[in-house]
Amino acid sequence: MYIPWKYTDFQDKATNVAQKLLGMYLIHRTSEVEYIGKIVETEAYGGSYRGKIDDASHAWRKRTNRNEPMFQNGGISYVYLIYGMYHCFNVVTSLKDDAQAVLIRAIEPIQGKEYMLANRKLSIPDKRISNGPGKLCTAMNITIKENSIPLWKAPLFIATPTNKEMIRIVKGKRVNISYAEKGKYFPWRFFIQGNPYVSKG
């Protein structure tokens, strides 16, 4: 059982929402299955840290058609392609024109595991199924079609499990952003300590 988030739950700084999302459910309903994954790793983007602008954010330089969802009120999705083949799913946060978002880096499969395995072309269930942003999107069938849609209602939404467990959050530097002169040092990666589905980082 779970309780969907309200749209106002997203309208906070990305660094705060990134931590609140840990342990929450990412749910994607399709005609075949309801995928449920527990969010175990996130990264915050946008805003500033100790007076330094986040130059790792897609919205840092200018507003474009691609990053337009980041400039909307928090509570919608931002899905994009990397390397022309892997999707990345982000939760837009904060308020209109503030351009902040949280990248979901890893999930622990809760429901729809058989479909996730098939989508990932794996025969044996293990952490490889969803321990990375591109992997989890493939597993949960999240594509560019799910870009810029509300995340407080079906088909794609965030929810609080009614049996939410206590977790310990670990913080660190974000992954694969060596190009960001300032942002590469921001401690804006968050993950659940000891969870096997957290990416290598």
C-alpha atoms as a PDB file:
ATOM      1  CA  MET A   1       0.000   0.000   0.000  1.00  0.00           C
ATOM      2  CA  TYR A   2       1.079   3.555  -0.627  1.00  0.00           C
ATOM      3  CA  ILE A   3      -0.061   7.169  -0.531  1.00  0.00           C
ATOM      4  CA  PRO A   4       0.681   9.341  -3.617  1.00  0.00           C
ATOM      5  CA  TRP A   5       2.540  12.589  -3.007  1.00  0.00           C
ATOM      6  CA  LYS A   6       0.722  15.899  -3.378  1.00  0.00           C
ATOM      7  CA  TYR A   7       2.061  18.383  -5.917  1.00  0.00           C
ATOM      8  CA  THR A   8       3.145  20.667  -3.072  1.00  0.00           C
ATOM      9  CA  ASP A   9       5.467  17.947  -1.743  1.00  0.00           C
ATOM     10  CA  PHE A  10       7.771  18.593  -4.687  1.00  0.00           C
ATOM     11  CA  GLN A  11       7.998  22.357  -4.268  1.00  0.00           C
ATOM     12  CA  ASP A  12      11.129  22.536  -2.148  1.00  0.00           C
ATOM     13  CA  LYS A  13      14.853  22.792  -2.875  1.00  0.00           C
ATOM     14  CA  ALA A  14      16.238  19.879  -4.886  1.00  0.00           C
ATOM     15  CA  THR A  15      18.691  19.004  -2.115  1.00  0.00           C
ATOM     16  CA  ASN A  16      15.812  18.589   0.329  1.00  0.00           C
ATOM     17  CA  VAL A  17      13.551  16.653  -2.038  1.00  0.00           C
ATOM     18  CA  ALA A  18      16.456  14.395  -3.071  1.00  0.00           C
ATOM     19  CA  GLN A  19      16.684  13.176   0.514  1.00  0.00           C
ATOM     20  CA  LYS A  20      12.923  12.973   1.049  1.00  0.00           C
ATOM     21  CA  LEU A  21      12.630  10.749  -2.036  1.00  0.00           C
ATOM     22  CA  LEU A  22      14.845   8.042  -0.555  1.00  0.00           C
ATOM     23  CA  GLY A  23      12.676   5.138   0.536  1.00  0.00           C
ATOM     24  CA  MET A  24       9.718   6.416  -1.488  1.00  0.00           C
ATOM     25  CA  TYR A  25       8.077   4.479  -4.305  1.00  0.00           C
ATOM     26  CA  LEU A  26       8.420   5.345  -7.973  1.00  0.00           C
ATOM     27  CA  ILE A  27       5.347   3.858  -9.654  1.00  0.00           C
ATOM     28  CA  HIS A  28       4.655   3.439 -13.362  1.00  0.00           C
ATOM     29  CA  ARG A  29       1.331   2.000 -14.476  1.00  0.00           C
ATOM     30  CA  THR A  30       1.123   0.607 -17.990  1.00  0.00           C
ATOM     31  CA  SER A  31      -1.493  -1.467 -19.790  1.00  0.00           C
ATOM     32  CA  GLU A  32       0.408  -4.617 -18.762  1.00  0.00           C
ATOM     33  CA  VAL A  33       1.726  -4.025 -15.262  1.00  0.00           C
ATOM     34  CA  GLU A  34       2.153  -1.635 -12.363  1.00  0.00           C
ATOM     35  CA  TYR A  35       5.884  -1.231 -11.824  1.00  0.00           C
ATOM     36  CA  ILE A  36       6.961  -0.239  -8.326  1.00  0.00           C
ATOM     37  CA  GLY A  37      10.520   0.590  -7.359  1.00  0.00           C
ATOM     38  CA  LYS A  38      11.823   1.887  -4.042  1.00  0.00           C
ATOM     39  CA  ILE A  39      14.070   4.885  -4.622  1.00  0.00           C
ATOM     40  CA  VAL A  40      17.492   4.189  -3.096  1.00  0.00           C
ATOM     41  CA  GLU A  41      19.786   6.762  -4.743  1.00  0.00           C
ATOM     42  CA  THR A  42      19.322  10.349  -5.928  1.00  0.00           C
ATOM     43  CA  GLU A  43      21.277  13.412  -7.043  1.00  0.00           C
ATOM     44  CA  ALA A  44      20.199  17.053  -6.758  1.00  0.00           C
ATOM     45  CA  TYR A  45      20.765  19.574  -9.570  1.00  0.00           C
ATOM     46  CA  GLY A  46      20.257  23.321  -9.841  1.00  0.00           C
ATOM     47  CA  GLY A  47      20.441  26.154  -7.364  1.00  0.00           C
ATOM     48  CA  SER A  48      23.680  26.918  -5.564  1.00  0.00           C
ATOM     49  CA  TYR A  49      25.978  25.607  -2.839  1.00  0.00           C
ATOM     50  CA  ARG A  50      27.857  28.011  -0.579  1.00  0.00           C
ATOM     51  CA  GLY A  51      27.336  30.810  -3.075  1.00  0.00           C
ATOM     52  CA  LYS A  52      28.476  28.797  -6.107  1.00  0.00           C
ATOM     53  CA  ILE A  53      26.038  28.161  -8.963  1.00  0.00           C
ATOM     54  CA  ASP A  54      25.579  24.512  -9.942  1.00  0.00           C
ATOM     55  CA  ASP A  55      27.361  24.323 -13.292  1.00  0.00           C
ATOM     56  CA  ALA A  56      26.501  20.610 -13.555  1.00  0.00           C
ATOM     57  CA  SER A  57      22.817  21.425 -14.043  1.00  0.00           C
ATOM     58  CA  HIS A  58      21.259  21.230 -17.505  1.00  0.00           C
ATOM     59  CA  ALA A  59      19.680  24.614 -16.786  1.00  0.00           C
ATOM     60  CA  TRP A  60      22.926  26.367 -15.884  1.00  0.00           C
ATOM     61  CA  ARG A  61      23.717  28.098 -19.175  1.00  0.00           C
ATOM     62  CA  LYS A  62      20.345  28.846 -20.709  1.00  0.00           C
ATOM     63  CA  ARG A  63      16.740  27.813 -21.115  1.00  0.00           C
ATOM     64  CA  THR A  64      16.154  25.414 -24.020  1.00  0.00           C
ATOM     65  CA  ASN A  65      13.402  23.187 -25.368  1.00  0.00           C
ATOM     66  CA  ARG A  66      15.177  20.229 -23.795  1.00  0.00           C
ATOM     67  CA  ASN A  67      15.474  21.597 -20.261  1.00  0.00           C
ATOM     68  CA  GLU A  68      12.158  23.487 -20.264  1.00  0.00           C
ATOM     69  CA  PRO A  69      10.557  21.076 -17.734  1.00  0.00           C
ATOM     70  CA  MET A  70      13.144  22.159 -15.145  1.00  0.00           C
ATOM     71  CA  PHE A  71      11.749  25.695 -15.262  1.00  0.00           C
ATOM     72  CA  GLN A  72       8.207  24.631 -14.367  1.00  0.00           C
ATOM     73  CA  ASN A  73       6.656  24.275 -10.918  1.00  0.00           C
ATOM     74  CA  GLY A  74       7.968  21.265  -9.031  1.00  0.00           C
ATOM     75  CA  GLY A  75       6.029  18.039  -9.438  1.00  0.00           C
ATOM     76  CA  ILE A  76       6.553  17.112 -13.078  1.00  0.00           C
ATOM     77  CA  SER A  77       8.962  14.736 -14.773  1.00  0.00           C
ATOM     78  CA  TYR A  78      12.068  15.599 -16.741  1.00  0.00           C
ATOM     79  CA  VAL A  79      13.155  12.688 -18.943  1.00  0.00           C
ATOM     80  CA  TYR A  80      15.995  12.937 -21.433  1.00  0.00           C
ATOM     81  CA  LEU A  81      18.281  10.730 -23.506  1.00  0.00           C
ATOM     82  CA  ILE A  82      22.022  10.295 -22.994  1.00  0.00           C
ATOM     83  CA  TYR A  83      24.314   8.855 -25.649  1.00  0.00           C
ATOM     84  CA  GLY A  84      21.230   8.721 -27.863  1.00  0.00           C
ATOM     85  CA  MET A  85      20.043   5.497 -26.246  1.00  0.00           C
ATOM     86  CA  TYR A  86      19.617   5.643 -22.444  1.00  0.00           C
ATOM     87  CA  HIS A  87      16.837   7.517 -20.685  1.00  0.00           C
ATOM     88  CA  CYS A  88      17.296   9.373 -17.401  1.00  0.00           C
ATOM     89  CA  PHE A  89      14.359  10.207 -15.142  1.00  0.00           C
ATOM     90  CA  ASN A  90      14.286  13.353 -13.021  1.00  0.00           C
ATOM     91  CA  VAL A  91      11.809  14.824 -10.561  1.00  0.00           C
ATOM     92  CA  VAL A  92      11.397  18.583 -11.051  1.00  0.00           C
ATOM     93  CA  THR A  93      11.393  20.483  -7.749  1.00  0.00           C
ATOM     94  CA  SER A  94      11.101  24.020  -6.367  1.00  0.00           C
ATOM     95  CA  LEU A  95       8.981  26.717  -8.054  1.00  0.00           C
ATOM     96  CA  LYS A  96       8.496  28.011 -11.591  1.00  0.00           C
ATOM     97  CA  ASP A  97      11.650  29.483 -13.169  1.00  0.00           C
ATOM     98  CA  ASP A  98      13.911  28.250 -10.335  1.00  0.00           C
ATOM     99  CA  ALA A  99      15.146  25.291 -12.444  1.00  0.00           C
ATOM    100  CA  GLN A 100      15.920  22.525  -9.968  1.00  0.00           C
ATOM    101  CA  ALA A 101      15.500  18.766 -10.291  1.00  0.00           C
ATOM    102  CA  VAL A 102      16.448  15.437  -8.740  1.00  0.00           C
ATOM    103  CA  LEU A 103      17.945  12.638 -10.832  1.00  0.00           C
ATOM    104  CA  ILE A 104      16.769   9.202  -9.704  1.00  0.00           C
ATOM    105  CA  ARG A 105      19.922   7.103  -9.911  1.00  0.00           C
ATOM    106  CA  ALA A 106      18.755   3.722  -8.620  1.00  0.00           C
ATOM    107  CA  ILE A 107      15.698   1.823  -7.411  1.00  0.00           C
ATOM    108  CA  GLU A 108      15.071  -1.456  -5.628  1.00  0.00           C
ATOM    109  CA  PRO A 109      12.414  -3.504  -7.492  1.00  0.00           C
ATOM    110  CA  ILE A 110       9.270  -4.026  -5.407  1.00  0.00           C
ATOM    111  CA  GLN A 111       6.599  -5.055  -7.920  1.00  0.00           C
ATOM    112  CA  GLY A 112       6.683  -6.110 -11.574  1.00  0.00           C
ATOM    113  CA  LYS A 113      10.103  -7.738 -11.241  1.00  0.00           C
ATOM    114  CA  GLU A 114       9.458 -10.282 -13.990  1.00  0.00           C
ATOM    115  CA  TYR A 115       8.654  -7.498 -16.437  1.00  0.00           C
ATOM    116  CA  MET A 116      11.702  -5.534 -15.315  1.00  0.00           C
ATOM    117  CA  LEU A 117      13.924  -8.538 -15.967  1.00  0.00           C
ATOM    118  CA  ALA A 118      12.432  -8.974 -19.430  1.00  0.00           C
ATOM    119  CA  ASN A 119      12.863  -5.284 -20.221  1.00  0.00           C
ATOM    120  CA  ARG A 120      16.506  -5.459 -19.144  1.00  0.00           C
ATOM    121  CA  LYS A 121      17.023  -8.762 -21.005  1.00  0.00           C
ATOM    122  CA  LEU A 122      18.245 -10.459 -17.833  1.00  0.00           C
ATOM    123  CA  SER A 123      17.432 -14.025 -16.797  1.00  0.00           C
ATOM    124  CA  ILE A 124      18.599 -13.902 -13.184  1.00  0.00           C
ATOM    125  CA  PRO A 125      17.409 -11.187 -10.785  1.00  0.00           C
ATOM    126  CA  ASP A 126      20.263  -9.215  -9.237  1.00  0.00           C
ATOM    127  CA  LYS A 127      21.248  -5.612  -8.550  1.00  0.00           C
ATOM    128  CA  ARG A 128      22.148  -4.993 -12.210  1.00  0.00           C
ATOM    129  CA  ILE A 129      18.460  -4.748 -13.002  1.00  0.00           C
ATOM    130  CA  SER A 130      18.154  -1.170 -11.730  1.00  0.00           C
ATOM    131  CA  ASN A 131      21.406   0.080 -10.159  1.00  0.00           C
ATOM    132  CA  GLY A 132      21.826   3.057 -12.470  1.00  0.00           C
ATOM    133  CA  PRO A 133      19.677   5.816 -14.018  1.00  0.00           C
ATOM    134  CA  GLY A 134      19.528   4.288 -17.497  1.00  0.00           C
ATOM    135  CA  LYS A 135      18.985   0.786 -16.128  1.00  0.00           C
ATOM    136  CA  LEU A 136      16.028   1.755 -13.964  1.00  0.00           C
ATOM    137  CA  CYS A 137      14.336   3.574 -16.847  1.00  0.00           C
ATOM    138  CA  THR A 138      14.696   0.524 -19.077  1.00  0.00           C
ATOM    139  CA  ALA A 139      13.482  -1.767 -16.288  1.00  0.00           C
ATOM    140  CA  MET A 140      10.408   0.360 -15.536  1.00  0.00           C
ATOM    141  CA  ASN A 141       9.681   1.234 -19.174  1.00  0.00           C
ATOM    142  CA  ILE A 142      10.174   4.972 -18.659  1.00  0.00           C
ATOM    143  CA  THR A 143      10.921   6.774 -21.920  1.00  0.00           C
ATOM    144  CA  ILE A 144      10.807  10.250 -23.413  1.00  0.00           C
ATOM    145  CA  LYS A 145       7.042   9.761 -23.686  1.00  0.00           C
ATOM    146  CA  GLU A 146       6.924  10.262 -19.919  1.00  0.00           C
ATOM    147  CA  ASN A 147       8.653  13.653 -20.118  1.00  0.00           C
ATOM    148  CA  SER A 148       6.968  16.702 -18.548  1.00  0.00           C
ATOM    149  CA  ILE A 149       3.991  14.942 -16.940  1.00  0.00           C
ATOM    150  CA  PRO A 150       2.564  15.317 -13.395  1.00  0.00           C
ATOM    151  CA  LEU A 151       4.140  13.054 -10.786  1.00  0.00           C
ATOM    152  CA  TRP A 152       1.320  13.079  -8.238  1.00  0.00           C
ATOM    153  CA  LYS A 153      -1.040  10.870 -10.261  1.00  0.00           C
ATOM    154  CA  ALA A 154      -1.025   7.911 -12.656  1.00  0.00           C
ATOM    155  CA  PRO A 155       0.487   6.755 -14.898  1.00  0.00           C
ATOM    156  CA  LEU A 156       3.835   7.846 -13.388  1.00  0.00           C
ATOM    157  CA  PHE A 157       4.011   9.060  -9.810  1.00  0.00           C
ATOM    158  CA  ILE A 158       5.810   9.202  -6.485  1.00  0.00           C
ATOM    159  CA  ALA A 159       4.213   7.685  -3.375  1.00  0.00           C
ATOM    160  CA  THR A 160       4.988   7.079   0.276  1.00  0.00           C
ATOM    161  CA  PRO A 161       4.793   3.385   1.269  1.00  0.00           C
ATOM    162  CA  THR A 162       2.534   2.835   4.259  1.00  0.00           C
ATOM    163  CA  ASN A 163       5.194   0.565   5.769  1.00  0.00           C
ATOM    164  CA  LYS A 164       8.115   2.941   5.177  1.00  0.00           C
ATOM    165  CA  GLU A 165      11.276   1.714   6.862  1.00  0.00           C
ATOM    166  CA  MET A 166      13.819   3.731   8.811  1.00  0.00           C
ATOM    167  CA  ILE A 167      16.857   4.498   6.654  1.00  0.00           C
ATOM    168  CA  ARG A 168      20.283   6.042   7.042  1.00  0.00           C
ATOM    169  CA  ILE A 169      21.239   8.516   4.320  1.00  0.00           C
ATOM    170  CA  VAL A 170      24.795   8.776   3.004  1.00  0.00           C
ATOM    171  CA  LYS A 171      25.936  11.938   1.195  1.00  0.00           C
ATOM    172  CA  GLY A 172      28.719  12.358  -1.338  1.00  0.00           C
ATOM    173  CA  LYS A 173      29.842  13.954  -4.586  1.00  0.00           C
ATOM    174  CA  ARG A 174      27.752  13.397  -7.695  1.00  0.00           C
ATOM    175  CA  VAL A 175      28.768  10.932 -10.390  1.00  0.00           C
ATOM    176  CA  ASN A 176      30.186  11.510 -13.896  1.00  0.00           C
ATOM    177  CA  ILE A 177      30.215  15.317 -13.841  1.00  0.00           C
ATOM    178  CA  SER A 178      33.954  16.014 -14.028  1.00  0.00           C
ATOM    179  CA  TYR A 179      33.174  18.696 -16.647  1.00  0.00           C
ATOM    180  CA  ALA A 180      31.517  20.862 -13.969  1.00  0.00           C
ATOM    181  CA  GLU A 181      34.307  23.030 -12.591  1.00  0.00           C
ATOM    182  CA  LYS A 182      32.407  23.935  -9.421  1.00  0.00           C
ATOM    183  CA  GLY A 183      29.535  21.474  -9.211  1.00  0.00           C
ATOM    184  CA  LYS A 184      31.716  18.378  -9.253  1.00  0.00           C
ATOM    185  CA  TYR A 185      32.583  19.120  -5.630  1.00  0.00           C
ATOM    186  CA  PHE A 186      29.010  19.594  -4.366  1.00  0.00           C
ATOM    187  CA  PRO A 187      27.958  16.833  -1.894  1.00  0.00           C
ATOM    188  CA  TRP A 188      24.619  16.365  -3.619  1.00  0.00           C
ATOM    189  CA  ARG A 189      24.486  12.623  -4.135  1.00  0.00           C
ATOM    190  CA  PHE A 190      22.315  10.809  -1.593  1.00  0.00           C
ATOM    191  CA  PHE A 191      21.744   7.094  -1.081  1.00  0.00           C
ATOM    192  CA  ILE A 192      20.451   4.574   1.424  1.00  0.00           C
ATOM    193  CA  GLN A 193      23.301   3.072   3.395  1.00  0.00           C
ATOM    194  CA  GLY A 194      23.760  -0.646   2.794  1.00  0.00           C
ATOM    195  CA  ASN A 195      21.202  -1.009   0.013  1.00  0.00           C
ATOM    196  CA  PRO A 196      22.571  -3.419  -2.639  1.00  0.00           C
ATOM    197  CA  TYR A 197      20.884  -1.586  -5.518  1.00  0.00           C
ATOM    198  CA  VAL A 198      22.874   1.626  -5.070  1.00  0.00           C
ATOM    199  CA  SER A 199      25.097   2.254  -8.106  1.00  0.00           C
ATOM    200  CA  LYS A 200      28.878   1.969  -7.981  1.00  0.00           C
ATOM    201  CA  GLY A 201      29.163   5.738  -8.050  1.00  0.00           C
END
